[in-house]
Amino acid sequence: MNGLSGLLGSSNQMDSLVDAYKQTQQKKLDELNAKKSLLQTRKSFYSTFKSRIDSLVSEIDKLTRSSAIDKFSAKSITSSDSKIVSASAKGNAILGDNSIKVEKLAKNDVLISNRANLTDAFNESAGNQTFNITIGDKTKEVSVDFDGTETYEQAMKKIVVAINRTSDIEVNASFVKDTNSTGRISLTAKNPGSENKILFSNNSALSKIGLDPDALFSNTNSRVVSTNTQAGYLEDEFVNLDSKFQLNGITITRSTNKIDDVLDGVTLNLLKTQDLDSAPVNLKTEVDSSSVQNFVKGLLTSINDIISNISSNTDIKRNDPAMTSLFQGIKNILLEKFGDSGDGELRYLTEIGIKFDKNGFIAISDEDLFKKELEKDPQKFANMFVGSNGLAKKVDKLIAPYKGSGGLVASRSASLNEQINNSMKKIESTQEKIDFQADALKKQYQNYLKLFYQAQNQSTYLSGFSTDTSGLLI
């Protein structure tokens, strides 16, 4: 009995026996969980890989557009003094140097009224008056309502408000108190140059403040100049509103400071005039190698992301032949011929300074060679990337089986989702079986314990009887 008691033990010992059983079964769960973890890691890989493929497809799309070829003709301009002249260039700009000397900047035309005493009666009849303001080829009608009681200050303010509220008018009007008791109207063209000189029609209200087109000779080259009290223009000749500069020794005038019609593909921004004895500003036009590098780096970076994604997962490299094949295909890309067929065509990426770096990624390792080949022939250079046999098309063909809803990545992901779900079900089923068996063992132990206690009680009861020497029960 004592041996059996030690075997069955207490309730705590029973729990320990059940736990010991569960421990013997834990290996099954560990193996199932390890498999699930591996499947989830693979799923995570393919999820990341899909985003990398999508990014790569996006970069390929940029290089296969019809406009992509123009990116390789990008030009840049360097100004020797960007405070005087800045410039930008398009792809059709001619490479080389140009000199420019800025003599005069384009100005906005300004027309100023007479000085008037603010409190004097304006003496304009009540009613609506209209007049026209013409700037360039745009004429706008301005309408002003008078009540016949206005002072000069009130009348001039009404004229200013009426001008500024006129839709699409190319002039700004302002009322200025030049002294405590007097004021004037100032009209300023919104755009510079003689093409935007201010013209206006006859009107009695305007004449009261000195704005008479005939008196000011507004439509002739020699105009009346304003004084401290009298109406007129700031510039006596409207041609003086234009910019004036020398480009490569040739004198040029324009109605603007932003000039895009003197050099093919070049926009000049005149910012400051120069003294007569100042040296011209040099403008150097060259191939914009940095812009082209940035354009193709998007593709190279996306390719490198694929390389990194695959190489960082040894399980995938070892167990997925399709991924191994893609990885090797990308690694072999520098060994392939690029560019369209033809004499003098560039053939390998290494010929334009693109190689694998020490970390195994594709990089522009020789920027000088990259720029040199780009300057030599932008078209042939572009063929390396956007031609029918260029890098974009080659990579697109390489990843074709992997992309899209019907591609390998989508099918792998769907299969892994199914395997993960099945694995989770199996883990749950196995856990239920272990728990069920453990519960059955616990009940079995409990029955043994019950029988033990019953036997123990009977033994105690029987030991309570005794016999005498005659053999009779007492």
Protein backbone atom coordinates (compact mmCIF):
# COMPACT_ATOMS: atom_id res chain seq x y z
CA MET A 1 0.00 0.00 0.00
CA ASN A 2 2.73 2.43 0.89
CA GLY A 3 4.38 1.84 -2.52
CA LEU A 4 1.13 2.48 -4.33
CA SER A 5 0.57 5.61 -2.31
CA GLY A 6 3.97 6.90 -3.32
CA LEU A 7 3.24 6.08 -6.91
CA LEU A 8 -0.12 7.84 -7.10
CA GLY A 9 0.90 10.68 -4.80
CA SER A 10 -0.97 13.90 -4.24
CA SER A 11 -2.97 16.07 -6.61
CA ASN A 12 0.14 18.15 -7.34
CA GLN A 13 2.01 15.03 -8.30
CA MET A 14 -0.85 14.10 -10.59
CA ASP A 15 -0.59 17.49 -12.33
CA SER A 16 3.15 16.96 -12.66
CA LEU A 17 2.55 13.62 -14.36
CA VAL A 18 0.11 15.25 -16.80
CA ASP A 19 2.56 18.09 -17.50
CA ALA A 20 5.26 15.53 -18.12
CA TYR A 21 3.06 13.90 -20.72
CA LYS A 22 2.44 17.24 -22.41
CA GLN A 23 6.18 17.86 -22.49
CA THR A 24 6.66 14.59 -24.37
CA GLN A 25 4.18 15.86 -26.98
CA GLN A 26 5.60 19.41 -27.22
CA LYS A 27 8.05 18.39 -29.93
CA LYS A 28 5.14 17.82 -32.31
CA LEU A 29 3.86 21.35 -31.66
CA ASP A 30 7.33 22.84 -31.92
CA GLU A 31 7.85 21.24 -35.32
CA LEU A 32 4.46 22.49 -36.53
CA ASN A 33 5.09 26.01 -35.23
CA ALA A 34 8.55 26.04 -36.79
CA LYS A 35 7.02 25.10 -40.12
CA LYS A 36 4.38 27.81 -39.76
CA SER A 37 7.07 30.36 -38.88
CA LEU A 38 9.07 29.38 -41.96
CA LEU A 39 5.98 29.73 -44.14
CA GLN A 40 5.23 33.16 -42.67
CA THR A 41 8.81 34.27 -43.28
CA ARG A 42 8.51 33.18 -46.89
CA LYS A 43 5.20 34.98 -47.20
CA SER A 44 6.80 38.14 -45.82
CA PHE A 45 9.58 37.76 -48.38
CA TYR A 46 7.17 37.50 -51.29
CA SER A 47 5.14 40.43 -49.99
CA THR A 48 8.28 42.59 -49.93
CA PHE A 49 9.41 41.15 -53.24
CA LYS A 50 6.09 42.12 -54.84
CA SER A 51 6.50 45.74 -53.75
CA ARG A 52 10.05 45.69 -55.14
CA ILE A 53 8.80 44.27 -58.45
CA ASP A 54 6.06 46.91 -58.60
CA SER A 55 8.63 49.67 -58.06
CA LEU A 56 10.85 48.20 -60.74
CA VAL A 57 7.93 48.03 -63.17
CA SER A 58 7.22 51.71 -62.44
CA GLU A 59 10.81 52.67 -63.23
CA ILE A 60 10.75 50.58 -66.42
CA ASP A 61 7.59 52.40 -67.48
CA LYS A 62 9.40 55.74 -67.11
CA LEU A 63 12.16 54.59 -69.43
CA THR A 64 9.87 53.04 -72.03
CA ARG A 65 7.70 56.13 -72.56
CA SER A 66 8.09 57.88 -75.88
CA SER A 67 9.35 61.01 -74.10
CA ALA A 68 12.10 59.15 -72.23
CA ILE A 69 14.61 59.65 -75.04
CA ASP A 70 14.44 63.42 -74.47
CA LYS A 71 15.75 63.01 -70.91
CA PHE A 72 19.15 62.02 -72.30
CA SER A 73 19.43 65.31 -74.19
CA ALA A 74 19.12 67.38 -71.00
CA LYS A 75 21.34 70.45 -70.91
CA SER A 76 22.45 72.75 -68.12
CA ILE A 77 23.81 76.29 -68.10
CA THR A 78 26.31 77.74 -65.68
CA SER A 79 26.43 81.52 -65.26
CA SER A 80 29.67 83.16 -64.17
CA ASP A 81 27.53 85.67 -62.21
CA SER A 82 24.03 84.42 -61.44
CA LYS A 83 23.20 87.66 -59.63
CA ILE A 84 23.28 89.45 -63.01
CA VAL A 85 22.02 86.73 -65.36
CA SER A 86 20.66 83.28 -64.67
CA ALA A 87 19.68 80.85 -67.38
CA SER A 88 18.11 77.45 -68.05
CA ALA A 89 18.32 75.17 -71.05
CA LYS A 90 16.20 72.59 -72.86
CA GLY A 91 17.43 69.57 -74.74
CA ASN A 92 17.79 71.42 -78.05
CA ALA A 93 20.22 73.98 -76.61
CA ILE A 94 23.57 74.12 -78.41
CA LEU A 95 26.60 73.22 -76.33
CA GLY A 96 29.18 75.96 -75.89
CA ASP A 97 29.87 79.36 -74.34
CA ASN A 98 28.00 82.63 -74.76
CA SER A 99 28.76 86.07 -73.32
CA ILE A 100 26.14 88.58 -72.25
CA LYS A 101 26.30 92.11 -70.92
CA VAL A 102 23.15 93.66 -69.41
CA GLU A 103 22.79 97.39 -70.14
CA LYS A 104 19.18 97.90 -69.07
CA LEU A 105 16.37 95.92 -67.45
CA ALA A 106 12.81 96.00 -68.71
CA LYS A 107 10.51 98.24 -66.62
CA ASN A 108 6.81 98.42 -65.93
CA ASP A 109 5.17 101.52 -67.40
CA VAL A 110 3.91 104.02 -64.80
CA LEU A 111 1.40 106.83 -65.37
CA ILE A 112 0.79 109.46 -62.63
CA SER A 113 -2.04 112.00 -62.34
CA ASN A 114 -1.88 115.67 -61.35
CA ARG A 115 -1.57 116.56 -57.69
CA ALA A 116 -5.02 117.57 -56.41
CA ASN A 117 -6.24 119.22 -53.22
CA LEU A 118 -8.13 116.50 -51.38
CA THR A 119 -10.98 118.65 -50.09
CA ASP A 120 -11.68 120.61 -53.28
CA ALA A 121 -14.94 119.86 -55.05
CA PHE A 122 -14.49 117.48 -57.99
CA ASN A 123 -17.46 119.04 -59.79
CA GLU A 124 -18.32 116.00 -61.91
CA SER A 125 -21.96 115.55 -62.86
CA ALA A 126 -23.85 112.69 -61.30
CA GLY A 127 -24.01 109.56 -63.41
CA ASN A 128 -21.94 106.74 -64.85
CA GLN A 129 -18.80 107.42 -66.82
CA THR A 130 -16.69 104.95 -68.79
CA PHE A 131 -13.20 105.02 -70.26
CA ASN A 132 -10.85 102.45 -71.81
CA ILE A 133 -7.42 101.33 -70.66
CA THR A 134 -5.29 99.46 -73.18
CA ILE A 135 -2.26 97.38 -72.29
CA GLY A 136 -0.67 95.57 -75.20
CA ASP A 137 -3.46 94.04 -77.28
CA LYS A 138 -5.95 93.96 -74.41
CA THR A 139 -8.45 96.82 -73.97
CA LYS A 140 -10.71 96.95 -70.92
CA GLU A 141 -13.64 99.30 -70.26
CA VAL A 142 -13.73 100.87 -66.79
CA SER A 143 -17.03 102.13 -65.37
CA VAL A 144 -17.27 104.73 -62.54
CA ASP A 145 -20.42 106.01 -60.82
CA PHE A 146 -20.41 109.61 -59.55
CA ASP A 147 -23.12 111.24 -57.41
CA GLY A 148 -22.03 114.83 -58.17
CA THR A 149 -20.97 115.66 -54.59
CA GLU A 150 -17.48 114.12 -54.53
CA THR A 151 -14.35 115.85 -53.38
CA TYR A 152 -11.15 115.16 -55.30
CA GLU A 153 -10.14 112.56 -52.71
CA GLN A 154 -13.48 110.77 -52.99
CA ALA A 155 -13.50 110.93 -56.79
CA MET A 156 -9.93 109.66 -57.18
CA LYS A 157 -10.61 106.79 -54.80
CA LYS A 158 -13.69 105.83 -56.85
CA ILE A 159 -11.60 105.82 -60.03
CA VAL A 160 -8.95 103.61 -58.38
CA VAL A 161 -11.54 101.14 -57.06
CA ALA A 162 -13.27 100.96 -60.44
CA ILE A 163 -9.99 100.22 -62.26
CA ASN A 164 -8.87 97.52 -59.81
CA ARG A 165 -12.20 95.72 -59.79
CA THR A 166 -12.26 95.50 -63.60
CA SER A 167 -11.76 91.87 -64.55
CA ASP A 168 -8.46 90.86 -66.22
CA ILE A 169 -7.22 94.41 -66.52
CA GLU A 170 -3.42 94.55 -66.97
CA VAL A 171 -2.78 97.53 -64.70
CA ASN A 172 -2.76 98.25 -60.97
CA ALA A 173 -4.16 101.55 -59.69
CA SER A 174 -3.40 103.21 -56.36
CA PHE A 175 -4.35 106.41 -54.56
CA VAL A 176 -1.43 108.10 -52.78
CA LYS A 177 -1.46 111.06 -50.40
CA ASP A 178 1.78 112.78 -51.32
CA THR A 179 1.17 115.49 -48.67
CA ASN A 180 -1.29 115.91 -45.82
CA SER A 181 -3.65 117.84 -48.06
CA THR A 182 -2.97 116.54 -51.58
CA GLY A 183 -3.09 113.26 -53.42
CA ARG A 184 -2.43 111.60 -56.76
CA ILE A 185 -3.35 108.46 -58.70
CA SER A 186 -0.64 106.10 -59.92
CA LEU A 187 -1.23 103.48 -62.63
CA THR A 188 1.37 100.69 -63.03
CA ALA A 189 1.38 98.13 -65.81
CA LYS A 190 1.44 94.56 -64.46
CA ASN A 191 4.05 93.45 -67.00
CA PRO A 192 7.23 95.20 -68.18
CA GLY A 193 8.29 96.44 -71.60
CA SER A 194 7.10 98.74 -74.35
CA GLU A 195 4.59 96.11 -75.46
CA ASN A 196 2.77 96.80 -72.19
CA LYS A 197 2.75 100.61 -72.28
CA ILE A 198 -0.32 102.25 -70.76
CA LEU A 199 -2.81 103.81 -73.17
CA PHE A 200 -6.17 105.30 -72.16
CA SER A 201 -9.13 107.03 -73.79
CA ASN A 202 -10.47 110.57 -73.35
CA ASN A 203 -12.76 111.10 -70.38
CA SER A 204 -13.85 114.23 -68.52
CA ALA A 205 -13.24 112.74 -65.08
CA LEU A 206 -9.70 111.66 -66.04
CA SER A 207 -9.02 115.07 -67.60
CA LYS A 208 -9.78 116.73 -64.25
CA ILE A 209 -6.71 114.96 -62.80
CA GLY A 210 -4.50 115.66 -65.82
CA LEU A 211 -4.90 112.28 -67.54
CA ASP A 212 -5.53 113.54 -71.05
CA PRO A 213 -4.06 111.20 -73.70
CA ASP A 214 -3.65 113.97 -76.24
CA ALA A 215 -1.91 116.30 -73.80
CA LEU A 216 0.42 113.55 -72.59
CA PHE A 217 1.14 112.15 -76.08
CA SER A 218 0.46 108.69 -74.68
CA ASN A 219 0.60 106.92 -78.05
CA THR A 220 3.77 108.54 -79.33
CA ASN A 221 7.36 107.63 -78.51
CA SER A 222 8.10 110.99 -76.84
CA ARG A 223 5.71 111.36 -73.92
CA VAL A 224 5.20 113.95 -71.22
CA VAL A 225 7.14 113.11 -68.06
CA SER A 226 5.43 113.56 -64.69
CA THR A 227 6.70 116.16 -62.23
CA ASN A 228 6.06 116.66 -58.53
CA THR A 229 2.73 118.25 -59.38
CA GLN A 230 1.90 117.56 -63.04
CA ALA A 231 0.61 114.39 -64.69
CA GLY A 232 2.75 112.29 -66.97
CA TYR A 233 4.77 109.09 -67.39
CA LEU A 234 7.91 108.08 -65.53
CA GLU A 235 9.63 107.27 -68.83
CA ASP A 236 9.57 109.91 -71.58
CA GLU A 237 9.99 107.26 -74.32
CA PHE A 238 8.17 103.98 -74.03
CA VAL A 239 11.03 102.19 -75.80
CA ASN A 240 13.02 102.84 -72.62
CA LEU A 241 10.72 100.32 -70.94
CA ASP A 242 12.49 97.49 -72.79
CA SER A 243 15.49 95.53 -71.63
CA LYS A 244 18.73 96.02 -73.52
CA PHE A 245 21.72 93.69 -73.57
CA GLN A 246 24.59 92.53 -75.71
CA LEU A 247 24.77 88.83 -76.54
CA ASN A 248 28.06 87.81 -78.10
CA GLY A 249 28.54 91.45 -79.12
CA ILE A 250 25.08 91.80 -80.71
CA THR A 251 22.79 94.46 -79.19
CA ILE A 252 19.29 93.15 -78.45
CA THR A 253 16.17 94.71 -76.90
CA ARG A 254 13.11 92.90 -75.55
CA SER A 255 9.97 93.86 -73.67
CA THR A 256 10.79 91.45 -70.86
CA ASN A 257 13.63 90.34 -68.59
CA LYS A 258 12.83 86.69 -69.25
CA ILE A 259 14.02 85.99 -72.77
CA ASP A 260 13.64 82.65 -74.56
CA ASP A 261 13.88 83.60 -78.24
CA VAL A 262 17.51 84.59 -78.78
CA LEU A 263 19.30 81.25 -78.25
CA ASP A 264 17.74 77.93 -79.21
CA GLY A 265 16.50 76.10 -76.15
CA VAL A 266 17.84 78.71 -73.72
CA THR A 267 15.88 81.00 -71.38
CA LEU A 268 17.74 84.03 -70.03
CA ASN A 269 16.72 85.81 -66.84
CA LEU A 270 18.12 89.35 -66.66
CA LEU A 271 18.43 90.33 -63.01
CA LYS A 272 20.80 93.30 -62.72
CA THR A 273 22.40 95.92 -64.95
CA GLN A 274 26.16 96.21 -65.38
CA ASP A 275 28.49 99.17 -65.51
CA LEU A 276 29.92 100.11 -68.90
CA ASP A 277 33.39 98.89 -67.96
CA SER A 278 32.16 95.61 -66.42
CA ALA A 279 33.14 92.33 -68.03
CA PRO A 280 30.39 90.32 -69.74
CA VAL A 281 28.84 87.36 -67.94
CA ASN A 282 29.82 83.99 -69.37
CA LEU A 283 27.13 81.35 -69.91
CA LYS A 284 28.40 77.81 -70.40
CA THR A 285 25.96 75.28 -71.88
CA GLU A 286 26.82 71.63 -71.42
CA VAL A 287 25.25 68.21 -71.12
CA ASP A 288 23.34 67.85 -67.85
CA SER A 289 24.98 64.65 -66.74
CA SER A 290 23.57 64.89 -63.21
CA SER A 291 20.02 65.03 -64.53
CA VAL A 292 20.59 61.95 -66.70
CA GLN A 293 22.21 60.12 -63.79
CA ASN A 294 19.21 60.83 -61.58
CA PHE A 295 16.89 59.63 -64.33
CA VAL A 296 18.58 56.23 -64.73
CA LYS A 297 19.41 55.79 -61.05
CA GLY A 298 15.75 55.10 -60.34
CA LEU A 299 15.99 51.97 -62.47
CA LEU A 300 19.37 50.94 -61.04
CA THR A 301 18.10 51.40 -57.48
CA SER A 302 15.04 49.24 -58.15
CA ILE A 303 17.23 46.52 -59.66
CA ASN A 304 19.49 46.68 -56.61
CA ASP A 305 16.47 46.36 -54.32
CA ILE A 306 15.63 43.06 -56.04
CA ILE A 307 19.22 41.88 -55.61
CA SER A 308 19.18 42.82 -51.92
CA ASN A 309 15.79 41.22 -51.33
CA ILE A 310 16.83 37.85 -52.74
CA SER A 311 20.40 37.76 -51.41
CA SER A 312 19.27 38.52 -47.85
CA ASN A 313 17.11 35.36 -47.71
CA THR A 314 19.20 32.18 -47.88
CA ASP A 315 16.11 29.97 -47.52
CA ILE A 316 14.59 31.43 -50.70
CA LYS A 317 17.88 31.25 -52.61
CA ARG A 318 18.29 27.62 -51.59
CA ASN A 319 14.71 26.40 -52.08
CA ASP A 320 13.19 28.53 -54.85
CA PRO A 321 14.85 27.87 -58.23
CA ALA A 322 12.80 30.63 -59.88
CA MET A 323 14.22 33.24 -57.50
CA THR A 324 17.72 31.85 -57.91
CA SER A 325 17.30 32.10 -61.68
CA LEU A 326 16.15 35.73 -61.46
CA PHE A 327 19.01 36.61 -59.10
CA GLN A 328 21.55 35.09 -61.46
CA GLY A 329 19.92 36.73 -64.47
CA ILE A 330 20.28 40.15 -62.91
CA LYS A 331 23.86 39.46 -61.85
CA ASN A 332 24.69 38.49 -65.45
CA ILE A 333 23.19 41.65 -66.89
CA LEU A 334 26.52 43.48 -67.13
CA LEU A 335 27.82 40.68 -69.33
CA GLU A 336 25.08 41.18 -71.93
CA LYS A 337 25.21 43.44 -74.97
CA PHE A 338 23.02 46.52 -74.93
CA GLY A 339 22.07 49.25 -77.35
CA ASP A 340 20.56 48.82 -80.79
CA SER A 341 22.60 47.14 -83.46
CA GLY A 342 24.70 49.36 -85.68
CA ASP A 343 28.20 50.66 -86.19
CA GLY A 344 29.65 52.66 -83.36
CA GLU A 345 26.94 51.64 -80.89
CA LEU A 346 27.79 51.24 -77.25
CA ARG A 347 27.58 47.59 -76.29
CA TYR A 348 28.12 47.08 -72.57
CA LEU A 349 27.12 49.02 -69.46
CA THR A 350 30.75 48.98 -68.37
CA GLU A 351 31.53 51.16 -71.40
CA ILE A 352 29.56 54.00 -69.84
CA GLY A 353 30.94 53.57 -66.31
CA ILE A 354 28.31 51.25 -64.81
CA LYS A 355 29.64 48.29 -62.81
CA PHE A 356 28.92 46.19 -59.74
CA ASP A 357 30.28 47.81 -56.59
CA LYS A 358 31.98 46.00 -53.71
CA ASN A 359 28.59 45.17 -52.18
CA GLY A 360 27.34 43.51 -55.35
CA PHE A 361 25.02 46.32 -56.46
CA ILE A 362 24.87 48.00 -59.87
CA ALA A 363 26.27 51.52 -59.64
CA ILE A 364 27.61 54.39 -61.74
CA SER A 365 31.21 53.88 -60.67
CA ASP A 366 32.86 56.20 -63.19
CA GLU A 367 30.94 59.48 -63.49
CA ASP A 368 33.55 61.03 -65.78
CA LEU A 369 33.21 58.18 -68.29
CA PHE A 370 29.42 58.36 -67.95
CA LYS A 371 29.46 62.07 -68.82
CA LYS A 372 32.03 61.65 -71.60
CA GLU A 373 29.97 59.02 -73.44
CA LEU A 374 26.77 60.99 -72.90
CA GLU A 375 28.31 64.13 -74.44
CA LYS A 376 29.76 62.16 -77.34
CA ASP A 377 26.39 60.92 -78.61
CA PRO A 378 23.25 61.26 -76.43
CA GLN A 379 21.20 59.13 -78.86
CA LYS A 380 23.54 56.15 -78.76
CA PHE A 381 23.89 56.58 -75.01
CA ALA A 382 20.11 56.58 -74.60
CA ASN A 383 19.84 53.34 -76.57
CA MET A 384 21.67 51.60 -73.73
CA PHE A 385 18.66 52.26 -71.54
CA VAL A 386 15.59 52.96 -73.66
CA GLY A 387 16.40 51.26 -76.97
CA SER A 388 14.70 48.11 -78.23
CA ASN A 389 17.62 46.15 -76.81
CA GLY A 390 18.25 48.49 -73.86
CA LEU A 391 18.41 47.83 -70.16
CA ALA A 392 14.75 48.68 -69.49
CA LYS A 393 13.49 46.17 -72.07
CA LYS A 394 15.94 43.47 -70.95
CA VAL A 395 14.95 43.78 -67.31
CA ASP A 396 11.27 43.91 -68.20
CA LYS A 397 11.63 40.63 -70.09
CA LEU A 398 13.55 39.14 -67.17
CA ILE A 399 10.84 39.92 -64.60
CA ALA A 400 7.86 39.21 -66.88
CA PRO A 401 7.12 35.75 -65.32
CA TYR A 402 7.13 37.23 -61.82
CA LYS A 403 4.79 40.20 -62.11
CA GLY A 404 1.04 40.63 -62.35
CA SER A 405 -1.93 38.79 -60.86
CA GLY A 406 -1.08 35.66 -62.84
CA GLY A 407 2.65 35.78 -62.19
CA LEU A 408 4.88 33.62 -60.05
CA VAL A 409 4.87 35.98 -57.06
CA ALA A 410 1.08 36.03 -56.91
CA SER A 411 0.85 32.24 -57.17
CA ARG A 412 3.57 31.75 -54.53
CA SER A 413 1.78 34.11 -52.16
CA ALA A 414 -1.57 32.37 -52.68
CA SER A 415 0.01 28.96 -52.09
CA LEU A 416 1.75 30.16 -48.93
CA ASN A 417 -1.48 31.62 -47.57
CA GLU A 418 -3.13 28.25 -48.04
CA GLN A 419 -0.22 26.40 -46.43
CA ILE A 420 -0.19 28.79 -43.46
CA ASN A 421 -3.93 28.31 -42.94
CA ASN A 422 -3.54 24.54 -43.11
CA SER A 423 -0.59 24.69 -40.74
CA MET A 424 -2.57 26.73 -38.22
CA LYS A 425 -5.43 24.24 -38.41
CA LYS A 426 -3.04 21.34 -37.85
CA ILE A 427 -1.47 23.09 -34.87
CA GLU A 428 -4.90 23.69 -33.41
CA SER A 429 -5.95 20.07 -34.06
CA THR A 430 -2.76 18.67 -32.54
CA GLN A 431 -3.13 20.87 -29.48
CA GLU A 432 -6.70 19.67 -29.03
CA LYS A 433 -5.58 16.03 -29.24
CA ILE A 434 -2.83 16.57 -26.68
CA ASP A 435 -5.22 18.38 -24.35
CA PHE A 436 -7.81 15.63 -24.79
CA GLN A 437 -5.28 12.88 -24.06
CA ALA A 438 -3.93 14.79 -21.08
CA ASP A 439 -7.45 15.15 -19.72
CA ALA A 440 -8.06 11.43 -20.22
CA LEU A 441 -4.85 10.58 -18.37
CA LYS A 442 -5.82 12.89 -15.56
CA LYS A 443 -9.16 11.16 -15.22
CA GLN A 444 -7.46 7.78 -15.32
CA TYR A 445 -5.08 8.86 -12.54
CA GLN A 446 -8.03 10.16 -10.58
CA ASN A 447 -9.79 6.76 -10.86
CA TYR A 448 -6.65 4.98 -9.68
CA LEU A 449 -6.43 7.33 -6.77
CA LYS A 450 -10.08 6.73 -5.90
CA LEU A 451 -9.58 2.94 -5.92
CA PHE A 452 -6.46 3.37 -3.81
CA TYR A 453 -8.30 5.36 -1.17
CA GLN A 454 -11.12 2.79 -1.10
CA ALA A 455 -8.64 -0.04 -0.61
CA GLN A 456 -6.84 1.93 2.06
CA ASN A 457 -10.08 2.51 3.96
CA GLN A 458 -10.97 -1.19 3.83
CA SER A 459 -7.54 -2.12 5.15
CA THR A 460 -7.93 0.25 8.08
CA TYR A 461 -11.37 -1.15 8.87
CA LEU A 462 -10.16 -4.77 8.89
CA SER A 463 -7.18 -3.98 11.02
CA GLY A 464 -9.63 -2.90 13.75
CA PHE A 465 -10.60 -6.54 14.51
CA SER A 466 -8.36 -8.72 16.81
CA THR A 467 -8.26 -12.47 17.98
CA ASP A 468 -7.46 -14.17 21.35
CA THR A 469 -5.13 -17.07 21.89
CA SER A 470 -7.97 -19.51 21.43
CA GLY A 471 -8.55 -18.17 18.03
CA LEU A 472 -11.90 -16.58 18.87
CA LEU A 473 -12.74 -13.08 17.99
CA ILE A 474 -13.00 -10.81 20.99
